[in-house]
Amino acid sequence: GAIFAFTGAGPVDNAPLESRPDVLAYTSQVL
């Protein structure tokens, strides 16, 4: 995401975040 970092900023695979029990995810049908 939009962070001050020399490595790891910007768009990344969010799988590690979405697998946590304290994160909710709502997904659309295919566009």
mmCIF file of all heavy atoms, coordinates in Angstrom:
data_MODEL
# 
_entry.id   MODEL 
# 
loop_
_atom_site.group_PDB 
_atom_site.id 
_atom_site.type_symbol 
_atom_site.label_atom_id 
_atom_site.label_alt_id 
_atom_site.label_comp_id 
_atom_site.label_asym_id 
_atom_site.label_entity_id 
_atom_site.label_seq_id 
_atom_site.pdbx_PDB_ins_code 
_atom_site.Cartn_x 
_atom_site.Cartn_y 
_atom_site.Cartn_z 
_atom_site.occupancy 
_atom_site.B_iso_or_equiv 
_atom_site.pdbx_formal_charge 
_atom_site.auth_seq_id 
_atom_site.auth_comp_id 
_atom_site.auth_asym_id 
_atom_site.auth_atom_id 
_atom_site.pdbx_PDB_model_num 
ATOM 1   N N   . GLY A 1 1  ? 0.795   -1.218  0.000   1.00 0.00 ? 1  GLY A N   1 
ATOM 2   C CA  . GLY A 1 1  ? 0.000   0.000   0.000   1.00 0.00 ? 1  GLY A CA  1 
ATOM 3   C C   . GLY A 1 1  ? 0.827   1.267   0.000   1.00 0.00 ? 1  GLY A C   1 
ATOM 4   O O   . GLY A 1 1  ? 2.021   1.275   -0.314  1.00 0.00 ? 1  GLY A O   1 
ATOM 5   N N   . ALA A 1 2  ? 0.160   2.356   0.369   1.00 0.00 ? 2  ALA A N   1 
ATOM 6   C CA  . ALA A 1 2  ? 0.761   3.693   0.331   1.00 0.00 ? 2  ALA A CA  1 
ATOM 7   C C   . ALA A 1 2  ? 1.555   3.943   1.608   1.00 0.00 ? 2  ALA A C   1 
ATOM 8   O O   . ALA A 1 2  ? 1.117   4.653   2.511   1.00 0.00 ? 2  ALA A O   1 
ATOM 9   C CB  . ALA A 1 2  ? -0.323  4.753   0.150   1.00 0.00 ? 2  ALA A CB  1 
ATOM 10  N N   . ILE A 1 3  ? 2.731   3.348   1.676   1.00 0.00 ? 3  ILE A N   1 
ATOM 11  C CA  . ILE A 1 3  ? 3.564   3.446   2.874   1.00 0.00 ? 3  ILE A CA  1 
ATOM 12  C C   . ILE A 1 3  ? 4.941   3.989   2.507   1.00 0.00 ? 3  ILE A C   1 
ATOM 13  O O   . ILE A 1 3  ? 5.356   3.958   1.356   1.00 0.00 ? 3  ILE A O   1 
ATOM 14  C CB  . ILE A 1 3  ? 3.729   2.078   3.572   1.00 0.00 ? 3  ILE A CB  1 
ATOM 15  C CG1 . ILE A 1 3  ? 4.347   1.052   2.614   1.00 0.00 ? 3  ILE A CG1 1 
ATOM 16  C CG2 . ILE A 1 3  ? 2.394   1.603   4.105   1.00 0.00 ? 3  ILE A CG2 1 
ATOM 17  C CD1 . ILE A 1 3  ? 4.665   -0.289  3.267   1.00 0.00 ? 3  ILE A CD1 1 
ATOM 18  N N   . PHE A 1 4  ? 5.646   4.498   3.524   1.00 0.00 ? 4  PHE A N   1 
ATOM 19  C CA  . PHE A 1 4  ? 7.026   4.908   3.342   1.00 0.00 ? 4  PHE A CA  1 
ATOM 20  C C   . PHE A 1 4  ? 7.892   3.673   3.552   1.00 0.00 ? 4  PHE A C   1 
ATOM 21  O O   . PHE A 1 4  ? 8.107   3.228   4.677   1.00 0.00 ? 4  PHE A O   1 
ATOM 22  C CB  . PHE A 1 4  ? 7.407   5.998   4.341   1.00 0.00 ? 4  PHE A CB  1 
ATOM 23  C CG  . PHE A 1 4  ? 8.843   6.443   4.220   1.00 0.00 ? 4  PHE A CG  1 
ATOM 24  C CD1 . PHE A 1 4  ? 9.263   7.170   3.130   1.00 0.00 ? 4  PHE A CD1 1 
ATOM 25  C CD2 . PHE A 1 4  ? 9.771   6.123   5.205   1.00 0.00 ? 4  PHE A CD2 1 
ATOM 26  C CE1 . PHE A 1 4  ? 10.579  7.577   3.003   1.00 0.00 ? 4  PHE A CE1 1 
ATOM 27  C CE2 . PHE A 1 4  ? 11.095  6.525   5.096   1.00 0.00 ? 4  PHE A CE2 1 
ATOM 28  C CZ  . PHE A 1 4  ? 11.495  7.259   3.995   1.00 0.00 ? 4  PHE A CZ  1 
ATOM 29  N N   . ALA A 1 5  ? 8.357   3.104   2.453   1.00 0.00 ? 5  ALA A N   1 
ATOM 30  C CA  . ALA A 1 5  ? 9.167   1.893   2.529   1.00 0.00 ? 5  ALA A CA  1 
ATOM 31  C C   . ALA A 1 5  ? 9.973   1.763   1.248   1.00 0.00 ? 5  ALA A C   1 
ATOM 32  O O   . ALA A 1 5  ? 9.504   2.115   0.171   1.00 0.00 ? 5  ALA A O   1 
ATOM 33  C CB  . ALA A 1 5  ? 8.288   0.656   2.724   1.00 0.00 ? 5  ALA A CB  1 
ATOM 34  N N   . PHE A 1 6  ? 11.179  1.257   1.392   1.00 0.00 ? 6  PHE A N   1 
ATOM 35  C CA  . PHE A 1 6  ? 12.031  1.020   0.231   1.00 0.00 ? 6  PHE A CA  1 
ATOM 36  C C   . PHE A 1 6  ? 11.763  -0.347  -0.379  1.00 0.00 ? 6  PHE A C   1 
ATOM 37  O O   . PHE A 1 6  ? 12.065  -0.597  -1.538  1.00 0.00 ? 6  PHE A O   1 
ATOM 38  C CB  . PHE A 1 6  ? 13.497  1.165   0.629   1.00 0.00 ? 6  PHE A CB  1 
ATOM 39  C CG  . PHE A 1 6  ? 13.837  2.541   1.129   1.00 0.00 ? 6  PHE A CG  1 
ATOM 40  C CD1 . PHE A 1 6  ? 13.781  2.833   2.482   1.00 0.00 ? 6  PHE A CD1 1 
ATOM 41  C CD2 . PHE A 1 6  ? 14.174  3.559   0.254   1.00 0.00 ? 6  PHE A CD2 1 
ATOM 42  C CE1 . PHE A 1 6  ? 14.072  4.100   2.956   1.00 0.00 ? 6  PHE A CE1 1 
ATOM 43  C CE2 . PHE A 1 6  ? 14.468  4.831   0.708   1.00 0.00 ? 6  PHE A CE2 1 
ATOM 44  C CZ  . PHE A 1 6  ? 14.416  5.109   2.066   1.00 0.00 ? 6  PHE A CZ  1 
ATOM 45  N N   . THR A 1 7  ? 11.201  -1.241  0.432   1.00 0.00 ? 7  THR A N   1 
ATOM 46  C CA  . THR A 1 7  ? 10.768  -2.554  -0.058  1.00 0.00 ? 7  THR A CA  1 
ATOM 47  C C   . THR A 1 7  ? 9.382   -2.829  0.498   1.00 0.00 ? 7  THR A C   1 
ATOM 48  O O   . THR A 1 7  ? 9.096   -2.512  1.654   1.00 0.00 ? 7  THR A O   1 
ATOM 49  C CB  . THR A 1 7  ? 11.729  -3.669  0.389   1.00 0.00 ? 7  THR A CB  1 
ATOM 50  O OG1 . THR A 1 7  ? 11.777  -3.706  1.826   1.00 0.00 ? 7  THR A OG1 1 
ATOM 51  C CG2 . THR A 1 7  ? 13.134  -3.431  -0.133  1.00 0.00 ? 7  THR A CG2 1 
ATOM 52  N N   . GLY A 1 8  ? 8.512   -3.414  -0.320  1.00 0.00 ? 8  GLY A N   1 
ATOM 53  C CA  . GLY A 1 8  ? 7.205   -3.841  0.173   1.00 0.00 ? 8  GLY A CA  1 
ATOM 54  C C   . GLY A 1 8  ? 6.068   -2.859  -0.002  1.00 0.00 ? 8  GLY A C   1 
ATOM 55  O O   . GLY A 1 8  ? 4.942   -3.157  0.406   1.00 0.00 ? 8  GLY A O   1 
ATOM 56  N N   . ALA A 1 9  ? 6.306   -1.688  -0.607  1.00 0.00 ? 9  ALA A N   1 
ATOM 57  C CA  . ALA A 1 9  ? 5.226   -0.726  -0.821  1.00 0.00 ? 9  ALA A CA  1 
ATOM 58  C C   . ALA A 1 9  ? 4.494   -1.027  -2.119  1.00 0.00 ? 9  ALA A C   1 
ATOM 59  O O   . ALA A 1 9  ? 4.967   -1.787  -2.966  1.00 0.00 ? 9  ALA A O   1 
ATOM 60  C CB  . ALA A 1 9  ? 5.785   0.695   -0.846  1.00 0.00 ? 9  ALA A CB  1 
ATOM 61  N N   . GLY A 1 10 ? 3.307   -0.415  -2.280  1.00 0.00 ? 10 GLY A N   1 
ATOM 62  C CA  . GLY A 1 10 ? 2.547   -0.545  -3.511  1.00 0.00 ? 10 GLY A CA  1 
ATOM 63  C C   . GLY A 1 10 ? 1.627   -1.748  -3.522  1.00 0.00 ? 10 GLY A C   1 
ATOM 64  O O   . GLY A 1 10 ? 1.276   -2.302  -2.472  1.00 0.00 ? 10 GLY A O   1 
ATOM 65  N N   . PRO A 1 11 ? 1.220   -2.206  -4.717  1.00 0.00 ? 11 PRO A N   1 
ATOM 66  C CA  . PRO A 1 11 ? 0.298   -3.343  -4.808  1.00 0.00 ? 11 PRO A CA  1 
ATOM 67  C C   . PRO A 1 11 ? 1.025   -4.660  -4.569  1.00 0.00 ? 11 PRO A C   1 
ATOM 68  O O   . PRO A 1 11 ? 2.058   -4.930  -5.179  1.00 0.00 ? 11 PRO A O   1 
ATOM 69  C CB  . PRO A 1 11 ? -0.226  -3.245  -6.245  1.00 0.00 ? 11 PRO A CB  1 
ATOM 70  C CG  . PRO A 1 11 ? 0.864   -2.542  -7.007  1.00 0.00 ? 11 PRO A CG  1 
ATOM 71  C CD  . PRO A 1 11 ? 1.524   -1.610  -6.030  1.00 0.00 ? 11 PRO A CD  1 
ATOM 72  N N   . VAL A 1 12 ? 0.469   -5.474  -3.688  1.00 0.00 ? 12 VAL A N   1 
ATOM 73  C CA  . VAL A 1 12 ? 1.074   -6.769  -3.356  1.00 0.00 ? 12 VAL A CA  1 
ATOM 74  C C   . VAL A 1 12 ? -0.040  -7.806  -3.221  1.00 0.00 ? 12 VAL A C   1 
ATOM 75  O O   . VAL A 1 12 ? -1.221  -7.474  -3.134  1.00 0.00 ? 12 VAL A O   1 
ATOM 76  C CB  . VAL A 1 12 ? 1.892   -6.706  -2.042  1.00 0.00 ? 12 VAL A CB  1 
ATOM 77  C CG1 . VAL A 1 12 ? 3.032   -5.709  -2.157  1.00 0.00 ? 12 VAL A CG1 1 
ATOM 78  C CG2 . VAL A 1 12 ? 0.987   -6.333  -0.861  1.00 0.00 ? 12 VAL A CG2 1 
ATOM 79  N N   . ASP A 1 13 ? 0.361   -9.061  -3.180  1.00 0.00 ? 13 ASP A N   1 
ATOM 80  C CA  . ASP A 1 13 ? -0.576  -10.164 -2.951  1.00 0.00 ? 13 ASP A CA  1 
ATOM 81  C C   . ASP A 1 13 ? -1.091  -10.065 -1.513  1.00 0.00 ? 13 ASP A C   1 
ATOM 82  O O   . ASP A 1 13 ? -0.316  -10.118 -0.554  1.00 0.00 ? 13 ASP A O   1 
ATOM 83  C CB  . ASP A 1 13 ? 0.151   -11.492 -3.189  1.00 0.00 ? 13 ASP A CB  1 
ATOM 84  C CG  . ASP A 1 13 ? -0.762  -12.695 -3.049  1.00 0.00 ? 13 ASP A CG  1 
ATOM 85  O OD1 . ASP A 1 13 ? -1.915  -12.535 -2.620  1.00 0.00 ? 13 ASP A OD1 1 
ATOM 86  O OD2 . ASP A 1 13 ? -0.302  -13.815 -3.361  1.00 0.00 ? 13 ASP A OD2 1 
ATOM 87  N N   . ASN A 1 14 ? -2.407  -9.936  -1.358  1.00 0.00 ? 14 ASN A N   1 
ATOM 88  C CA  . ASN A 1 14 ? -2.999  -9.741  -0.028  1.00 0.00 ? 14 ASN A CA  1 
ATOM 89  C C   . ASN A 1 14 ? -3.402  -11.041 0.661   1.00 0.00 ? 14 ASN A C   1 
ATOM 90  O O   . ASN A 1 14 ? -4.074  -10.997 1.692   1.00 0.00 ? 14 ASN A O   1 
ATOM 91  C CB  . ASN A 1 14 ? -4.219  -8.818  -0.134  1.00 0.00 ? 14 ASN A CB  1 
ATOM 92  C CG  . ASN A 1 14 ? -3.869  -7.349  -0.088  1.00 0.00 ? 14 ASN A CG  1 
ATOM 93  O OD1 . ASN A 1 14 ? -4.491  -6.555  0.612   1.00 0.00 ? 14 ASN A OD1 1 
ATOM 94  N ND2 . ASN A 1 14 ? -2.857  -6.951  -0.860  1.00 0.00 ? 14 ASN A ND2 1 
ATOM 95  N N   . ALA A 1 15 ? -3.008  -12.184 0.117   1.00 0.00 ? 15 ALA A N   1 
ATOM 96  C CA  . ALA A 1 15 ? -3.422  -13.465 0.706   1.00 0.00 ? 15 ALA A CA  1 
ATOM 97  C C   . ALA A 1 15 ? -3.071  -13.583 2.189   1.00 0.00 ? 15 ALA A C   1 
ATOM 98  O O   . ALA A 1 15 ? -3.907  -14.049 2.983   1.00 0.00 ? 15 ALA A O   1 
ATOM 99  C CB  . ALA A 1 15 ? -2.825  -14.618 -0.095  1.00 0.00 ? 15 ALA A CB  1 
ATOM 100 N N   . PRO A 1 16 ? -1.854  -13.205 2.616   1.00 0.00 ? 16 PRO A N   1 
ATOM 101 C CA  . PRO A 1 16 ? -1.550  -13.339 4.046   1.00 0.00 ? 16 PRO A CA  1 
ATOM 102 C C   . PRO A 1 16 ? -2.480  -12.516 4.940   1.00 0.00 ? 16 PRO A C   1 
ATOM 103 O O   . PRO A 1 16 ? -2.790  -12.933 6.062   1.00 0.00 ? 16 PRO A O   1 
ATOM 104 C CB  . PRO A 1 16 ? -0.100  -12.838 4.143   1.00 0.00 ? 16 PRO A CB  1 
ATOM 105 C CG  . PRO A 1 16 ? 0.459   -13.011 2.775   1.00 0.00 ? 16 PRO A CG  1 
ATOM 106 C CD  . PRO A 1 16 ? -0.681  -12.738 1.846   1.00 0.00 ? 16 PRO A CD  1 
ATOM 107 N N   . LEU A 1 17 ? -2.931  -11.378 4.420   1.00 0.00 ? 17 LEU A N   1 
ATOM 108 C CA  . LEU A 1 17 ? -3.841  -10.527 5.192   1.00 0.00 ? 17 LEU A CA  1 
ATOM 109 C C   . LEU A 1 17 ? -5.244  -11.112 5.196   1.00 0.00 ? 17 LEU A C   1 
ATOM 110 O O   . LEU A 1 17 ? -5.912  -11.182 6.244   1.00 0.00 ? 17 LEU A O   1 
ATOM 111 C CB  . LEU A 1 17 ? -3.841  -9.123  4.588   1.00 0.00 ? 17 LEU A CB  1 
ATOM 112 C CG  . LEU A 1 17 ? -4.537  -8.008  5.373   1.00 0.00 ? 17 LEU A CG  1 
ATOM 113 C CD1 . LEU A 1 17 ? -3.871  -7.794  6.712   1.00 0.00 ? 17 LEU A CD1 1 
ATOM 114 C CD2 . LEU A 1 17 ? -4.548  -6.717  4.560   1.00 0.00 ? 17 LEU A CD2 1 
ATOM 115 N N   . GLU A 1 18 ? -5.695  -11.554 4.044   1.00 0.00 ? 18 GLU A N   1 
ATOM 116 C CA  . GLU A 1 18 ? -7.071  -12.041 3.920   1.00 0.00 ? 18 GLU A CA  1 
ATOM 117 C C   . GLU A 1 18 ? -7.303  -13.362 4.655   1.00 0.00 ? 18 GLU A C   1 
ATOM 118 O O   . GLU A 1 18 ? -8.454  -13.724 4.920   1.00 0.00 ? 18 GLU A O   1 
ATOM 119 C CB  . GLU A 1 18 ? -7.414  -12.184 2.431   1.00 0.00 ? 18 GLU A CB  1 
ATOM 120 C CG  . GLU A 1 18 ? -7.430  -10.851 1.693   1.00 0.00 ? 18 GLU A CG  1 
ATOM 121 C CD  . GLU A 1 18 ? -7.507  -10.979 0.186   1.00 0.00 ? 18 GLU A CD  1 
ATOM 122 O OE1 . GLU A 1 18 ? -7.535  -12.134 -0.312  1.00 0.00 ? 18 GLU A OE1 1 
ATOM 123 O OE2 . GLU A 1 18 ? -7.531  -9.935  -0.495  1.00 0.00 ? 18 GLU A OE2 1 
ATOM 124 N N   . SER A 1 19 ? -6.243  -14.075 4.980   1.00 0.00 ? 19 SER A N   1 
ATOM 125 C CA  . SER A 1 19 ? -6.393  -15.354 5.679   1.00 0.00 ? 19 SER A CA  1 
ATOM 126 C C   . SER A 1 19 ? -6.527  -15.189 7.192   1.00 0.00 ? 19 SER A C   1 
ATOM 127 O O   . SER A 1 19 ? -6.805  -16.154 7.893   1.00 0.00 ? 19 SER A O   1 
ATOM 128 C CB  . SER A 1 19 ? -5.191  -16.255 5.375   1.00 0.00 ? 19 SER A CB  1 
ATOM 129 O OG  . SER A 1 19 ? -3.992  -15.700 5.918   1.00 0.00 ? 19 SER A OG  1 
ATOM 130 N N   . ARG A 1 20 ? -6.366  -13.971 7.684   1.00 0.00 ? 20 ARG A N   1 
ATOM 131 C CA  . ARG A 1 20 ? -6.437  -13.738 9.132   1.00 0.00 ? 20 ARG A CA  1 
ATOM 132 C C   . ARG A 1 20 ? -7.883  -13.717 9.616   1.00 0.00 ? 20 ARG A C   1 
ATOM 133 O O   . ARG A 1 20 ? -8.782  -13.225 8.909   1.00 0.00 ? 20 ARG A O   1 
ATOM 134 C CB  . ARG A 1 20 ? -5.758  -12.424 9.503   1.00 0.00 ? 20 ARG A CB  1 
ATOM 135 C CG  . ARG A 1 20 ? -4.239  -12.453 9.400   1.00 0.00 ? 20 ARG A CG  1 
ATOM 136 C CD  . ARG A 1 20 ? -3.654  -11.104 9.788   1.00 0.00 ? 20 ARG A CD  1 
ATOM 137 N NE  . ARG A 1 20 ? -3.988  -10.717 11.156  1.00 0.00 ? 20 ARG A NE  1 
ATOM 138 C CZ  . ARG A 1 20 ? -3.197  -10.878 12.216  1.00 0.00 ? 20 ARG A CZ  1 
ATOM 139 N NH1 . ARG A 1 20 ? -2.009  -11.458 12.063  1.00 0.00 ? 20 ARG A NH1 1 
ATOM 140 N NH2 . ARG A 1 20 ? -3.578  -10.479 13.421  1.00 0.00 ? 20 ARG A NH2 1 
ATOM 141 N N   . PRO A 1 21 ? -8.127  -14.175 10.843  1.00 0.00 ? 21 PRO A N   1 
ATOM 142 C CA  . PRO A 1 21 ? -9.502  -14.158 11.374  1.00 0.00 ? 21 PRO A CA  1 
ATOM 143 C C   . PRO A 1 21 ? -9.997  -12.760 11.735  1.00 0.00 ? 21 PRO A C   1 
ATOM 144 O O   . PRO A 1 21 ? -11.203 -12.582 11.946  1.00 0.00 ? 21 PRO A O   1 
ATOM 145 C CB  . PRO A 1 21 ? -9.395  -15.054 12.618  1.00 0.00 ? 21 PRO A CB  1 
ATOM 146 C CG  . PRO A 1 21 ? -7.961  -14.979 13.032  1.00 0.00 ? 21 PRO A CG  1 
ATOM 147 C CD  . PRO A 1 21 ? -7.191  -14.877 11.751  1.00 0.00 ? 21 PRO A CD  1 
ATOM 148 N N   . ASP A 1 22 ? -9.082  -11.773 11.824  1.00 0.00 ? 22 ASP A N   1 
ATOM 149 C CA  . ASP A 1 22 ? -9.514  -10.419 12.153  1.00 0.00 ? 22 ASP A CA  1 
ATOM 150 C C   . ASP A 1 22 ? -9.646  -9.534  10.912  1.00 0.00 ? 22 ASP A C   1 
ATOM 151 O O   . ASP A 1 22 ? -9.608  -8.297  11.009  1.00 0.00 ? 22 ASP A O   1 
ATOM 152 C CB  . ASP A 1 22 ? -8.554  -9.764  13.159  1.00 0.00 ? 22 ASP A CB  1 
ATOM 153 C CG  . ASP A 1 22 ? -7.099  -9.790  12.718  1.00 0.00 ? 22 ASP A CG  1 
ATOM 154 O OD1 . ASP A 1 22 ? -6.817  -10.278 11.597  1.00 0.00 ? 22 ASP A OD1 1 
ATOM 155 O OD2 . ASP A 1 22 ? -6.231  -9.310  13.487  1.00 0.00 ? 22 ASP A OD2 1 
ATOM 156 N N   . VAL A 1 23 ? -9.795  -10.158 9.743   1.00 0.00 ? 23 VAL A N   1 
ATOM 157 C CA  . VAL A 1 23 ? -10.010 -9.433  8.485   1.00 0.00 ? 23 VAL A CA  1 
ATOM 158 C C   . VAL A 1 23 ? -11.227 -10.017 7.780   1.00 0.00 ? 23 VAL A C   1 
ATOM 159 O O   . VAL A 1 23 ? -11.313 -11.239 7.580   1.00 0.00 ? 23 VAL A O   1 
ATOM 160 C CB  . VAL A 1 23 ? -8.766  -9.530  7.568   1.00 0.00 ? 23 VAL A CB  1 
ATOM 161 C CG1 . VAL A 1 23 ? -9.044  -8.834  6.231   1.00 0.00 ? 23 VAL A CG1 1 
ATOM 162 C CG2 . VAL A 1 23 ? -7.554  -8.915  8.245   1.00 0.00 ? 23 VAL A CG2 1 
ATOM 163 N N   . LEU A 1 24 ? -12.161 -9.141  7.396   1.00 0.00 ? 24 LEU A N   1 
ATOM 164 C CA  . LEU A 1 24 ? -13.333 -9.554  6.630   1.00 0.00 ? 24 LEU A CA  1 
ATOM 165 C C   . LEU A 1 24 ? -13.100 -9.267  5.153   1.00 0.00 ? 24 LEU A C   1 
ATOM 166 O O   . LEU A 1 24 ? -12.503 -8.231  4.809   1.00 0.00 ? 24 LEU A O   1 
ATOM 167 C CB  . LEU A 1 24 ? -14.581 -8.806  7.103   1.00 0.00 ? 24 LEU A CB  1 
ATOM 168 C CG  . LEU A 1 24 ? -14.942 -8.944  8.587   1.00 0.00 ? 24 LEU A CG  1 
ATOM 169 C CD1 . LEU A 1 24 ? -16.188 -8.116  8.897   1.00 0.00 ? 24 LEU A CD1 1 
ATOM 170 C CD2 . LEU A 1 24 ? -15.156 -10.406 8.962   1.00 0.00 ? 24 LEU A CD2 1 
ATOM 171 N N   . ALA A 1 25 ? -13.567 -10.136 4.286   1.00 0.00 ? 25 ALA A N   1 
ATOM 172 C CA  . ALA A 1 25 ? -13.403 -9.968  2.849   1.00 0.00 ? 25 ALA A CA  1 
ATOM 173 C C   . ALA A 1 25 ? -14.725 -10.234 2.146   1.00 0.00 ? 25 ALA A C   1 
ATOM 174 O O   . ALA A 1 25 ? -15.376 -11.254 2.395   1.00 0.00 ? 25 ALA A O   1 
ATOM 175 C CB  . ALA A 1 25 ? -12.318 -10.903 2.316   1.00 0.00 ? 25 ALA A CB  1 
ATOM 176 N N   . TYR A 1 26 ? -15.119 -9.304  1.276   1.00 0.00 ? 26 TYR A N   1 
ATOM 177 C CA  . TYR A 1 26 ? -16.350 -9.427  0.493   1.00 0.00 ? 26 TYR A CA  1 
ATOM 178 C C   . TYR A 1 26 ? -15.976 -9.289  -0.978  1.00 0.00 ? 26 TYR A C   1 
ATOM 179 O O   . TYR A 1 26 ? -15.384 -8.290  -1.383  1.00 0.00 ? 26 TYR A O   1 
ATOM 180 C CB  . TYR A 1 26 ? -17.353 -8.350  0.904   1.00 0.00 ? 26 TYR A CB  1 
ATOM 181 C CG  . TYR A 1 26 ? -17.678 -8.378  2.379   1.00 0.00 ? 26 TYR A CG  1 
ATOM 182 C CD1 . TYR A 1 26 ? -16.997 -7.552  3.278   1.00 0.00 ? 26 TYR A CD1 1 
ATOM 183 C CD2 . TYR A 1 26 ? -18.648 -9.251  2.881   1.00 0.00 ? 26 TYR A CD2 1 
ATOM 184 C CE1 . TYR A 1 26 ? -17.277 -7.595  4.634   1.00 0.00 ? 26 TYR A CE1 1 
ATOM 185 C CE2 . TYR A 1 26 ? -18.935 -9.300  4.237   1.00 0.00 ? 26 TYR A CE2 1 
ATOM 186 C CZ  . TYR A 1 26 ? -18.241 -8.467  5.115   1.00 0.00 ? 26 TYR A CZ  1 
ATOM 187 O OH  . TYR A 1 26 ? -18.519 -8.520  6.460   1.00 0.00 ? 26 TYR A OH  1 
ATOM 188 N N   . THR A 1 27 ? -16.355 -10.283 -1.774  1.00 0.00 ? 27 THR A N   1 
ATOM 189 C CA  . THR A 1 27 ? -15.877 -10.376 -3.150  1.00 0.00 ? 27 THR A CA  1 
ATOM 190 C C   . THR A 1 27 ? -17.047 -10.379 -4.126  1.00 0.00 ? 27 THR A C   1 
ATOM 191 O O   . THR A 1 27 ? -18.077 -11.022 -3.882  1.00 0.00 ? 27 THR A O   1 
ATOM 192 C CB  . THR A 1 27 ? -15.050 -11.662 -3.330  1.00 0.00 ? 27 THR A CB  1 
ATOM 193 O OG1 . THR A 1 27 ? -14.030 -11.709 -2.328  1.00 0.00 ? 27 THR A OG1 1 
ATOM 194 C CG2 . THR A 1 27 ? -14.400 -11.701 -4.709  1.00 0.00 ? 27 THR A CG2 1 
ATOM 195 N N   . SER A 1 28 ? -16.863 -9.672  -5.238  1.00 0.00 ? 28 SER A N   1 
ATOM 196 C CA  . SER A 1 28 ? -17.905 -9.603  -6.265  1.00 0.00 ? 28 SER A CA  1 
ATOM 197 C C   . SER A 1 28 ? -17.862 -10.822 -7.189  1.00 0.00 ? 28 SER A C   1 
ATOM 198 O O   . SER A 1 28 ? -16.908 -11.602 -7.174  1.00 0.00 ? 28 SER A O   1 
ATOM 199 C CB  . SER A 1 28 ? -17.732 -8.325  -7.097  1.00 0.00 ? 28 SER A CB  1 
ATOM 200 O OG  . SER A 1 28 ? -16.637 -8.473  -8.000  1.00 0.00 ? 28 SER A OG  1 
ATOM 201 N N   . GLN A 1 29 ? -18.878 -10.935 -8.009  1.00 0.00 ? 29 GLN A N   1 
ATOM 202 C CA  . GLN A 1 29 ? -18.838 -11.888 -9.109  1.00 0.00 ? 29 GLN A CA  1 
ATOM 203 C C   . GLN A 1 29 ? -17.845 -11.375 -10.155 1.00 0.00 ? 29 GLN A C   1 
ATOM 204 O O   . GLN A 1 29 ? -17.404 -10.227 -10.117 1.00 0.00 ? 29 GLN A O   1 
ATOM 205 C CB  . GLN A 1 29 ? -20.224 -12.021 -9.739  1.00 0.00 ? 29 GLN A CB  1 
ATOM 206 C CG  . GLN A 1 29 ? -21.270 -12.627 -8.810  1.00 0.00 ? 29 GLN A CG  1 
ATOM 207 C CD  . GLN A 1 29 ? -20.965 -14.078 -8.460  1.00 0.00 ? 29 GLN A CD  1 
ATOM 208 O OE1 . GLN A 1 29 ? -20.609 -14.863 -9.337  1.00 0.00 ? 29 GLN A OE1 1 
ATOM 209 N NE2 . GLN A 1 29 ? -21.099 -14.428 -7.190  1.00 0.00 ? 29 GLN A NE2 1 
ATOM 210 N N   . VAL A 1 30 ? -17.486 -12.218 -11.096 1.00 0.00 ? 30 VAL A N   1 
ATOM 211 C CA  . VAL A 1 30 ? -16.571 -11.821 -12.163 1.00 0.00 ? 30 VAL A CA  1 
ATOM 212 C C   . VAL A 1 30 ? -17.191 -10.693 -12.984 1.00 0.00 ? 30 VAL A C   1 
ATOM 213 O O   . VAL A 1 30 ? -18.378 -10.738 -13.336 1.00 0.00 ? 30 VAL A O   1 
ATOM 214 C CB  . VAL A 1 30 ? -16.259 -13.032 -13.067 1.00 0.00 ? 30 VAL A CB  1 
ATOM 215 C CG1 . VAL A 1 30 ? -15.516 -12.599 -14.322 1.00 0.00 ? 30 VAL A CG1 1 
ATOM 216 C CG2 . VAL A 1 30 ? -15.443 -14.062 -12.299 1.00 0.00 ? 30 VAL A CG2 1 
ATOM 217 N N   . LEU A 1 31 ? -16.415 -9.650  -13.235 1.00 0.00 ? 31 LEU A N   1 
ATOM 218 C CA  . LEU A 1 31 ? -16.898 -8.526  -14.036 1.00 0.00 ? 31 LEU A CA  1 
ATOM 219 C C   . LEU A 1 31 ? -17.053 -8.948  -15.493 1.00 0.00 ? 31 LEU A C   1 
ATOM 220 O O   . LEU A 1 31 ? -16.172 -9.615  -16.056 1.00 0.00 ? 31 LEU A O   1 
ATOM 221 C CB  . LEU A 1 31 ? -15.926 -7.357  -13.948 1.00 0.00 ? 31 LEU A CB  1 
ATOM 222 C CG  . LEU A 1 31 ? -15.721 -6.722  -12.565 1.00 0.00 ? 31 LEU A CG  1 
ATOM 223 C CD1 . LEU A 1 31 ? -14.629 -5.655  -12.639 1.00 0.00 ? 31 LEU A CD1 1 
ATOM 224 C CD2 . LEU A 1 31 ? -17.016 -6.119  -12.045 1.00 0.00 ? 31 LEU A CD2 1 
# 
